[in-house]
């Protein structure tokens, strides 16, 4: 470092000039120029890689989005086509009652939602992994961590997984639907809502049951196919059997011709025969095939009409309690008669 003494032109006074600042300015300019040149060279050398990486990521994203849209659209079209075919095949009343349109739509919507969500998860998850691979991120630790986390989550949420799988198979197999009356063991009632995890039932007393699908071991569906209205007609043992059979047949024919029982009854009322015979009474079994869920109403109406028909023919319907009371009264009467006879003095 050194200084020079110079004189100003106006005063002639000496002026001290610092050569260090000039050297520093020149050095900083040279460094900036060098850095800019290096940066420009580095960008020029790597811009093609960047462009290729960006194009790959863009291509992966576009393909994933388009594939997701196409698959979801295909699933929706497939479900709609299946519904149309089912509606076209439902020509008679029986098949229409087995699987009505509302139930079929609800089941199809649930299955379609599950399939669309699974397709979206698989496609977008694969796309994310491919993007990370393009960016040069090592996926081995990530996949290993995901595997360990999946195992831990599976052990911790095994009940949830069981419920979801049971709900999916229940929907796919169409075990029951909204509006069906089912018996699942500890609870029974009408199905209000079906979810992948929980099924809601409305009980006979108005209560709502929330049942996990994984806990349902067996299902008795009372609304599929047909139901049986069965009742026993108990009359005295001395009644005319042919007259009783004729009265029951007449009541069944009248029931089948009336409204709305003509739509509820799917087969004529059938007298199966004697179910049991005792000294005081005989029981005749009556059966009829009905619409699902209407058996109880048919039993009540048929019992009403049979009672009217039998009363019109002078045939009495009895039950075990009345027979027991009659037997007890006869026993008491015999006891009283025996006591009176014992009190009467013998005649000489």
Protein backbone atom coordinates (compact mmCIF):
# COMPACT_ATOMS: atom_id res chain seq x y z
CA UNK A 1 0.00 0.00 0.00
CA UNK A 2 1.32 3.40 -0.86
CA UNK A 3 0.10 6.99 -1.39
CA UNK A 4 0.90 9.72 -3.90
CA UNK A 5 1.04 13.51 -3.22
CA UNK A 6 -0.45 15.64 -5.96
CA UNK A 7 -1.53 19.25 -6.16
CA UNK A 8 -4.95 20.50 -7.01
CA UNK A 9 -5.17 22.74 -10.08
CA UNK A 10 -6.97 25.56 -8.22
CA UNK A 11 -5.05 25.89 -4.95
CA UNK A 12 -1.95 23.93 -5.55
CA UNK A 13 -2.58 22.06 -2.23
CA UNK A 14 -1.33 18.55 -2.07
CA UNK A 15 -3.98 15.73 -2.47
CA UNK A 16 -3.58 12.24 -1.14
CA UNK A 17 -4.77 9.55 -3.62
CA UNK A 18 -5.52 6.00 -2.34
CA UNK A 19 -4.68 3.30 -4.87
CA UNK A 20 -6.20 0.51 -2.70
CA UNK A 21 -9.85 1.43 -3.44
CA UNK A 22 -9.18 1.35 -7.16
CA UNK A 23 -7.65 -2.11 -6.90
CA UNK A 24 -10.59 -3.39 -4.87
CA UNK A 25 -13.11 -2.04 -7.38
CA UNK A 26 -11.31 -3.73 -10.23
CA UNK A 27 -11.14 -7.02 -8.33
CA UNK A 28 -14.88 -7.03 -7.47
CA UNK A 29 -15.79 -6.35 -11.06
CA UNK A 30 -13.62 -9.16 -12.24
CA UNK A 31 -15.14 -11.57 -9.67
CA UNK A 32 -18.68 -10.58 -10.61
CA UNK A 33 -17.89 -11.05 -14.27
CA UNK A 34 -16.36 -14.43 -13.54
CA UNK A 35 -19.33 -15.56 -11.45
CA UNK A 36 -21.77 -14.44 -14.10
CA UNK A 37 -19.79 -16.27 -16.73
CA UNK A 38 -19.73 -19.45 -14.61
CA UNK A 39 -23.46 -19.21 -13.86
CA UNK A 40 -24.26 -18.71 -17.51
CA UNK A 41 -22.12 -21.68 -18.41
CA UNK A 42 -23.68 -23.85 -15.74
CA UNK A 43 -27.19 -22.89 -16.88
CA UNK A 44 -26.23 -23.45 -20.49
CA UNK A 45 -24.83 -26.87 -19.61
CA UNK A 46 -27.86 -28.00 -17.51
CA UNK A 47 -30.84 -26.31 -19.11
CA UNK A 48 -31.45 -29.31 -21.33
CA UNK A 49 -31.62 -31.62 -18.29
CA UNK A 50 -34.00 -29.25 -16.56
CA UNK A 51 -36.18 -29.02 -19.59
CA UNK A 52 -36.24 -32.80 -19.97
CA UNK A 53 -37.10 -33.27 -16.28
CA UNK A 54 -39.86 -30.68 -16.43
CA UNK A 55 -41.31 -32.24 -19.55
CA UNK A 56 -41.25 -35.68 -17.91
CA UNK A 57 -43.04 -34.39 -14.82
CA UNK A 58 -45.59 -32.58 -16.98
CA UNK A 59 -46.12 -35.67 -19.11
CA UNK A 60 -46.56 -37.90 -16.04
CA UNK A 61 -49.07 -35.45 -14.54
CA UNK A 62 -51.06 -35.14 -17.75
CA UNK A 63 -51.17 -38.90 -18.27
CA UNK A 64 -52.21 -39.49 -14.66
CA UNK A 65 -55.00 -36.91 -14.82
CA UNK A 66 -56.29 -38.15 -18.16
CA UNK A 67 -56.09 -41.81 -17.08
CA UNK A 68 -57.89 -41.04 -13.84
CA UNK A 69 -60.66 -39.23 -15.72
CA UNK A 70 -61.04 -42.01 -18.28
CA UNK A 71 -61.16 -44.81 -15.68
CA UNK A 72 -63.63 -42.97 -13.44
CA UNK A 73 -65.78 -42.24 -16.47
CA UNK A 74 -65.62 -45.86 -17.57
CA UNK A 75 -66.67 -47.06 -14.10
CA UNK A 76 -69.62 -44.67 -14.11
CA UNK A 77 -70.71 -45.78 -17.59
CA UNK A 78 -70.36 -49.45 -16.63
CA UNK A 79 -72.58 -49.02 -13.57
CA UNK A 80 -75.19 -47.08 -15.56
CA UNK A 81 -75.21 -49.77 -18.24
CA UNK A 82 -75.61 -52.48 -15.60
CA UNK A 83 -78.56 -50.60 -14.11
CA UNK A 84 -80.21 -50.28 -17.52
CA UNK A 85 -79.80 -53.99 -18.20
CA UNK A 86 -81.25 -54.86 -14.81
CA UNK A 87 -84.24 -52.58 -15.43
CA UNK A 88 -84.79 -54.15 -18.84
CA UNK A 89 -84.74 -57.66 -17.34
CA UNK A 90 -87.20 -56.78 -14.58
CA UNK A 91 -90.41 -57.48 -16.47
CA UNK A 92 -92.49 -59.32 -13.91
CA UNK A 93 -93.66 -58.18 -10.51
CA UNK A 94 -91.65 -60.76 -8.58
CA UNK A 95 -88.23 -59.74 -9.89
CA UNK A 96 -89.14 -56.08 -9.56
CA UNK A 97 -89.94 -56.62 -5.90
CA UNK A 98 -86.79 -58.60 -5.26
CA UNK A 99 -84.52 -55.75 -6.27
CA UNK A 100 -86.32 -52.48 -6.73
CA UNK A 101 -84.90 -49.50 -8.55
CA UNK A 102 -84.10 -47.42 -5.47
CA UNK A 103 -82.19 -50.22 -3.82
CA UNK A 104 -80.30 -51.03 -7.01
CA UNK A 105 -79.32 -47.38 -7.47
CA UNK A 106 -78.12 -47.11 -3.87
CA UNK A 107 -76.03 -50.25 -4.16
CA UNK A 108 -74.57 -49.22 -7.52
CA UNK A 109 -73.70 -45.76 -6.22
CA UNK A 110 -71.86 -47.23 -3.24
CA UNK A 111 -69.90 -49.71 -5.36
CA UNK A 112 -69.09 -47.05 -7.94
CA UNK A 113 -67.84 -44.66 -5.27
CA UNK A 114 -65.53 -47.32 -3.83
CA UNK A 115 -64.13 -48.28 -7.25
CA UNK A 116 -63.56 -44.66 -8.26
CA UNK A 117 -61.77 -43.84 -5.02
CA UNK A 118 -59.56 -46.91 -5.32
CA UNK A 119 -58.70 -46.06 -8.94
CA UNK A 120 -57.87 -42.46 -8.03
CA UNK A 121 -55.66 -43.55 -5.13
CA UNK A 122 -53.72 -46.07 -7.21
CA UNK A 123 -53.22 -43.77 -10.22
CA UNK A 124 -52.27 -40.62 -8.32
CA UNK A 125 -50.06 -42.53 -5.88
CA UNK A 126 -48.17 -44.13 -8.77
CA UNK A 127 -47.80 -40.73 -10.44
CA UNK A 128 -46.33 -39.19 -7.28
CA UNK A 129 -43.80 -41.98 -6.97
CA UNK A 130 -42.79 -41.57 -10.62
CA UNK A 131 -42.33 -37.81 -10.17
CA UNK A 132 -40.12 -38.36 -7.13
CA UNK A 133 -38.08 -40.87 -9.11
CA UNK A 134 -37.62 -38.36 -11.96
CA UNK A 135 -36.41 -35.76 -9.46
CA UNK A 136 -33.69 -38.17 -8.39
CA UNK A 137 -35.06 -38.90 -4.92
CA UNK A 138 -34.19 -42.35 -3.63
CA UNK A 139 -37.47 -44.16 -3.10
CA UNK A 140 -36.08 -47.17 -1.24
CA UNK A 141 -36.13 -45.55 2.25
CA UNK A 142 -39.53 -44.01 1.51
CA UNK A 143 -41.02 -47.33 0.43
CA UNK A 144 -39.47 -49.10 3.41
CA UNK A 145 -40.90 -46.51 5.78
CA UNK A 146 -44.29 -46.74 4.09
CA UNK A 147 -44.20 -50.54 4.43
CA UNK A 148 -43.41 -50.35 8.14
CA UNK A 149 -46.08 -47.69 8.65
CA UNK A 150 -48.59 -49.81 6.72
CA UNK A 151 -47.87 -52.85 8.88
CA UNK A 152 -48.21 -50.80 12.07
CA UNK A 153 -51.42 -49.22 10.80
CA UNK A 154 -52.76 -52.61 9.82
CA UNK A 155 -52.19 -54.01 13.31
CA UNK A 156 -53.64 -50.92 14.95
CA UNK A 157 -56.67 -50.59 12.69
CA UNK A 158 -57.39 -54.23 11.92
CA UNK A 159 -60.98 -53.86 13.10
CA UNK A 160 -61.47 -50.91 10.76
CA UNK A 161 -60.01 -52.86 7.85
CA UNK A 162 -62.25 -55.82 8.70
CA UNK A 163 -65.32 -53.58 8.75
CA UNK A 164 -64.44 -51.99 5.41
CA UNK A 165 -63.78 -55.33 3.70
CA UNK A 166 -67.00 -56.80 5.11
CA UNK A 167 -68.94 -53.76 3.90
CA UNK A 168 -67.48 -54.02 0.40
CA UNK A 169 -68.31 -57.72 0.08
CA UNK A 170 -71.77 -57.11 1.51
CA UNK A 171 -72.46 -54.52 -1.20
CA UNK A 172 -70.96 -56.64 -3.97
CA UNK A 173 -72.97 -59.71 -2.95
CA UNK A 174 -76.16 -57.70 -2.37
CA UNK A 175 -76.88 -59.36 0.96
CA UNK A 176 -79.38 -56.67 1.97
CA UNK A 177 -80.37 -53.15 0.99
CA UNK A 178 -82.09 -50.05 2.33
CA UNK A 179 -85.66 -50.88 3.33
CA UNK A 180 -85.04 -54.61 3.87
CA UNK A 181 -86.02 -56.22 7.12
CA UNK A 182 -83.08 -58.24 8.41
CA UNK A 183 -82.04 -60.28 11.42
CA UNK A 184 -78.33 -60.00 12.24
CA UNK A 185 -78.32 -61.93 15.49
CA UNK A 186 -78.46 -59.60 18.44
CA UNK A 187 -80.47 -56.97 16.57
CA UNK A 188 -83.21 -57.04 13.98
CA UNK A 189 -85.15 -54.38 12.14
CA UNK A 190 -85.43 -52.38 8.94
CA UNK A 191 -82.25 -51.21 7.22
CA UNK A 192 -82.00 -47.40 7.28
CA UNK A 193 -78.52 -46.82 5.89
CA UNK A 194 -75.64 -48.93 4.63
CA UNK A 195 -72.05 -47.75 4.93
CA UNK A 196 -68.72 -49.37 4.34
CA UNK A 197 -68.12 -49.50 8.10
CA UNK A 198 -71.50 -49.34 9.86
CA UNK A 199 -75.05 -50.49 9.06
CA UNK A 200 -78.02 -48.73 10.68
CA UNK A 201 -81.19 -50.64 11.61
CA UNK A 202 -84.53 -49.36 12.90
CA UNK A 203 -85.80 -51.78 15.55
CA UNK A 204 -89.39 -52.80 16.25
CA UNK A 205 -89.62 -50.37 19.19
CA UNK A 206 -88.22 -47.44 17.19
CA UNK A 207 -84.62 -47.72 18.39
CA UNK A 208 -81.73 -47.33 15.94
CA UNK A 209 -78.99 -49.96 15.96
CA UNK A 210 -75.49 -49.09 14.74
CA UNK A 211 -73.80 -52.35 13.81
CA UNK A 212 -70.22 -52.69 12.58
CA UNK A 213 -70.08 -54.70 9.39
CA UNK A 214 -67.16 -56.76 10.68
CA UNK A 215 -69.28 -58.00 13.60
CA UNK A 216 -72.09 -59.32 11.40
CA UNK A 217 -71.51 -63.08 11.25
CA UNK A 218 -74.83 -64.04 9.69
CA UNK A 219 -77.72 -62.18 8.08
CA UNK A 220 -81.31 -63.29 7.75
CA UNK A 221 -83.00 -61.18 5.07
CA UNK A 222 -86.77 -61.22 5.48
CA UNK A 223 -87.44 -59.03 2.43
CA UNK A 224 -85.92 -61.06 -0.39
CA UNK A 225 -87.76 -63.68 -2.40
CA UNK A 226 -91.08 -64.36 -0.68
CA UNK A 227 -92.55 -64.80 2.78
CA UNK A 228 -94.87 -67.42 4.27
CA UNK A 229 -98.00 -66.60 6.22
CA UNK A 230 -98.70 -69.60 8.47
CA UNK A 231 -101.40 -69.95 11.10
CA UNK A 232 -103.07 -72.73 13.10
CA UNK A 233 -106.83 -73.11 13.33
CA UNK A 234 -107.80 -75.00 16.47
CA UNK A 235 -111.32 -76.37 16.66
CA UNK A 236 -113.06 -78.98 18.75
CA UNK A 237 -112.32 -82.59 17.99
CA UNK A 238 -115.97 -83.33 17.20
CA UNK A 239 -116.15 -80.69 14.45
CA UNK A 240 -116.77 -81.71 10.85
CA UNK A 241 -113.35 -81.71 9.17
CA UNK A 242 -114.73 -81.30 5.68
CA UNK A 243 -116.80 -78.35 6.80
CA UNK A 244 -113.75 -76.78 8.46
CA UNK A 245 -111.65 -77.28 5.32
CA UNK A 246 -114.40 -75.77 3.17
CA UNK A 247 -114.69 -72.74 5.46
CA UNK A 248 -110.91 -72.11 5.36
CA UNK A 249 -110.83 -72.47 1.57
CA UNK A 250 -113.72 -70.04 1.18
CA UNK A 251 -112.04 -67.48 3.43
CA UNK A 252 -108.81 -67.80 1.43
CA UNK A 253 -110.61 -67.32 -1.89
CA UNK A 254 -112.38 -64.22 -0.62
CA UNK A 255 -109.09 -62.83 0.66
CA UNK A 256 -107.36 -63.41 -2.69
CA UNK A 257 -110.10 -61.51 -4.55
CA UNK A 258 -110.06 -58.44 -2.30
CA UNK A 259 -107.92 -55.33 -2.53
CA UNK A 260 -105.00 -54.96 -1.67
CA UNK A 261 -104.65 -58.64 -0.75
CA UNK A 262 -104.82 -59.73 -4.39
CA UNK A 263 -101.37 -58.14 -4.91
CA UNK A 264 -99.96 -59.33 -1.60
CA UNK A 265 -100.94 -62.98 -2.00
CA UNK A 266 -98.72 -64.68 -4.56
CA UNK A 267 -100.28 -68.15 -4.29
CA UNK A 268 -103.67 -69.44 -3.14
CA UNK A 269 -104.23 -70.18 0.53
CA UNK A 270 -103.40 -73.84 1.16
CA UNK A 271 -104.75 -76.12 3.88
CA UNK A 272 -101.80 -78.32 4.80
CA UNK A 273 -103.82 -80.69 6.96
CA UNK A 274 -104.00 -81.74 10.59
CA UNK A 275 -101.05 -80.62 12.63
CA UNK A 276 -102.10 -82.25 15.90
CA UNK A 277 -105.10 -84.08 17.35
CA UNK A 278 -106.08 -84.46 21.01
CA UNK A 279 -109.17 -85.70 22.85
CA UNK A 280 -110.62 -82.20 23.06
CA UNK A 281 -109.32 -80.40 19.94
CA UNK A 282 -107.57 -80.63 16.62
CA UNK A 283 -105.21 -78.15 14.98
CA UNK A 284 -105.30 -77.48 11.23
CA UNK A 285 -102.25 -75.81 9.65
CA UNK A 286 -102.90 -73.13 6.97
CA UNK A 287 -100.19 -71.57 4.78
CA UNK A 288 -99.93 -68.95 2.03
CA UNK A 289 -97.03 -67.48 0.04
CA UNK A 290 -96.97 -63.69 0.25
CA UNK A 291 -94.99 -60.63 -0.70
CA UNK A 292 -91.84 -60.14 1.45
CA UNK A 293 -92.59 -58.30 4.65
CA UNK A 294 -96.39 -58.75 4.34
CA UNK A 295 -96.79 -62.14 6.02
CA UNK A 296 -97.89 -60.75 9.39
CA UNK A 297 -100.65 -58.63 7.87
CA UNK A 298 -101.88 -61.55 5.76
CA UNK A 299 -101.97 -63.79 8.85
CA UNK A 300 -104.12 -61.30 10.76
CA UNK A 301 -106.56 -60.72 7.91
CA UNK A 302 -106.81 -64.42 7.08
CA UNK A 303 -107.40 -65.30 10.73
CA UNK A 304 -110.18 -62.67 10.86
CA UNK A 305 -111.91 -64.06 7.76
CA UNK A 306 -111.60 -67.69 8.87
CA UNK A 307 -113.15 -66.80 12.24
CA UNK A 308 -116.09 -65.11 10.51
CA UNK A 309 -116.59 -68.04 8.15
CA UNK A 310 -116.45 -70.62 10.93
CA UNK A 311 -118.84 -68.63 13.10
CA UNK A 312 -121.26 -68.45 10.19
CA UNK A 313 -121.21 -72.25 9.95
CA UNK A 314 -121.57 -72.79 13.68
CA UNK A 315 -118.01 -74.08 14.22
CA UNK A 316 -116.26 -72.81 17.36
CA UNK A 317 -112.59 -71.92 17.51
CA UNK A 318 -110.99 -72.91 20.82
CA UNK A 319 -107.59 -72.59 22.40
CA UNK A 320 -105.63 -74.45 25.01
CA UNK A 321 -106.55 -72.08 27.83
CA UNK A 322 -110.28 -72.38 27.23
CA UNK A 323 -109.97 -76.16 26.99
CA UNK A 324 -108.02 -76.21 30.24
CA UNK A 325 -110.67 -74.07 31.95
CA UNK A 326 -113.41 -76.39 30.70
CA UNK A 327 -111.52 -79.43 31.91
CA UNK A 328 -110.96 -77.81 35.30
CA UNK A 329 -114.60 -76.84 35.56
CA UNK A 330 -115.66 -80.39 34.73
CA UNK A 331 -113.34 -81.73 37.41
CA UNK A 332 -114.74 -79.27 39.94
CA UNK A 333 -118.26 -80.18 38.93
CA UNK A 334 -117.54 -83.87 39.47
CA UNK A 335 -116.05 -83.08 42.86
CA UNK A 336 -119.11 -81.10 43.87
CA UNK A 337 -121.42 -83.86 42.74
CA UNK A 338 -119.36 -86.40 44.67
CA UNK A 339 -119.48 -84.24 47.77
CA UNK A 340 -123.28 -83.87 47.51
CA UNK A 341 -123.71 -87.59 47.14
CA UNK A 342 -121.56 -88.20 50.19
CA UNK A 343 -123.73 -85.80 52.30
CA UNK A 344 -127.02 -87.48 51.36
CA UNK A 345 -127.99 -90.01 54.14
CA UNK A 346 -128.68 -93.53 53.03
CA UNK A 347 -132.32 -94.50 52.86
CA UNK A 348 -133.56 -97.35 55.01
